[in-house]
Protein backbone atom coordinates (compact mmCIF):
# COMPACT_ATOMS: atom_id res chain seq x y z
CA UNK A 1 -11.44 -2.54 -7.90
CA UNK A 2 -8.31 -4.66 -7.71
CA UNK A 3 -5.01 -2.77 -8.01
CA UNK A 4 -1.35 -3.08 -7.13
CA UNK A 5 -0.19 -2.24 -3.64
CA UNK A 6 1.63 0.95 -4.65
CA UNK A 7 -1.41 2.54 -6.30
CA UNK A 8 -3.58 1.36 -3.43
CA UNK A 9 -1.25 2.90 -0.86
CA UNK A 10 -1.23 6.19 -2.72
CA UNK A 11 -5.02 6.26 -2.91
CA UNK A 12 -5.50 5.89 0.86
CA UNK A 13 -2.46 7.81 2.08
CA UNK A 14 -0.61 4.88 3.63
CA UNK A 15 2.84 3.42 2.94
CA UNK A 16 3.11 0.30 0.76
CA UNK A 17 5.01 -1.38 3.61
CA UNK A 18 2.02 -0.84 5.89
CA UNK A 19 -0.27 -2.50 3.37
CA UNK A 20 2.12 -5.43 2.99
CA UNK A 21 2.10 -5.81 6.79
CA UNK A 22 -1.70 -5.88 6.81
CA UNK A 23 -1.66 -8.53 4.07
CA UNK A 24 0.83 -10.65 6.04
CA UNK A 25 -1.38 -10.34 9.14
CA UNK A 26 -4.46 -11.33 7.08
CA UNK A 27 -6.15 -8.01 7.88
CA UNK A 28 -6.22 -7.33 4.12
CA UNK A 29 -6.89 -10.02 1.52
CA UNK A 30 -4.09 -10.81 -0.92
CA UNK A 31 -5.55 -10.87 -4.44
CA UNK A 32 -2.58 -12.32 -6.30
CA UNK A 33 0.20 -10.59 -8.21
CA UNK A 34 0.30 -8.34 -11.25
CA UNK A 35 2.61 -8.80 -14.26
CA UNK A 36 5.45 -7.08 -12.36
CA UNK A 37 4.95 -9.41 -9.35
CA UNK A 38 3.49 -6.66 -7.16
CA UNK A 39 0.88 -7.63 -4.59
CA UNK A 40 -2.68 -6.84 -5.61
CA UNK A 41 -5.43 -5.77 -3.20
CA UNK A 42 -9.07 -4.69 -3.38
CA UNK A 43 -9.44 -0.91 -2.99
CA UNK A 44 -12.92 -1.17 -1.46
CA UNK A 45 -11.71 -3.60 1.19
CA UNK A 46 -8.69 -1.41 1.83
CA UNK A 47 -10.78 1.75 2.19
CA UNK A 48 -13.00 0.00 4.75
CA UNK A 49 -9.96 -1.22 6.70
CA UNK A 50 -8.32 2.21 6.73
CA UNK A 51 -11.55 3.86 7.86
CA UNK A 52 -11.94 1.33 10.69
CA UNK A 53 -8.32 1.77 11.82
CA UNK A 54 -8.59 5.56 11.77
CA UNK A 55 -11.88 5.46 13.70
CA UNK A 56 -10.31 3.17 16.30
CA UNK A 57 -7.30 5.45 16.61
CA UNK A 58 -9.50 8.52 17.10
CA UNK A 59 -11.54 6.68 19.73
CA UNK A 60 -8.37 5.80 21.64
CA UNK A 61 -7.23 9.43 21.54
CA UNK A 62 -10.53 10.68 22.98
């Protein structure tokens, strides 16, 4: 599902600025802009990225 960056951030518990950073680093694919010129991203891709980052962080802590 493609949604704006603010709704996406809310759904995964991250800040919109973090998602914008991931988009700028090409870790997350930019899917265009909505009518209000907000960045759009794929929620499935985002969920996979967040899960991978959290798993990596927990592995570093252990």
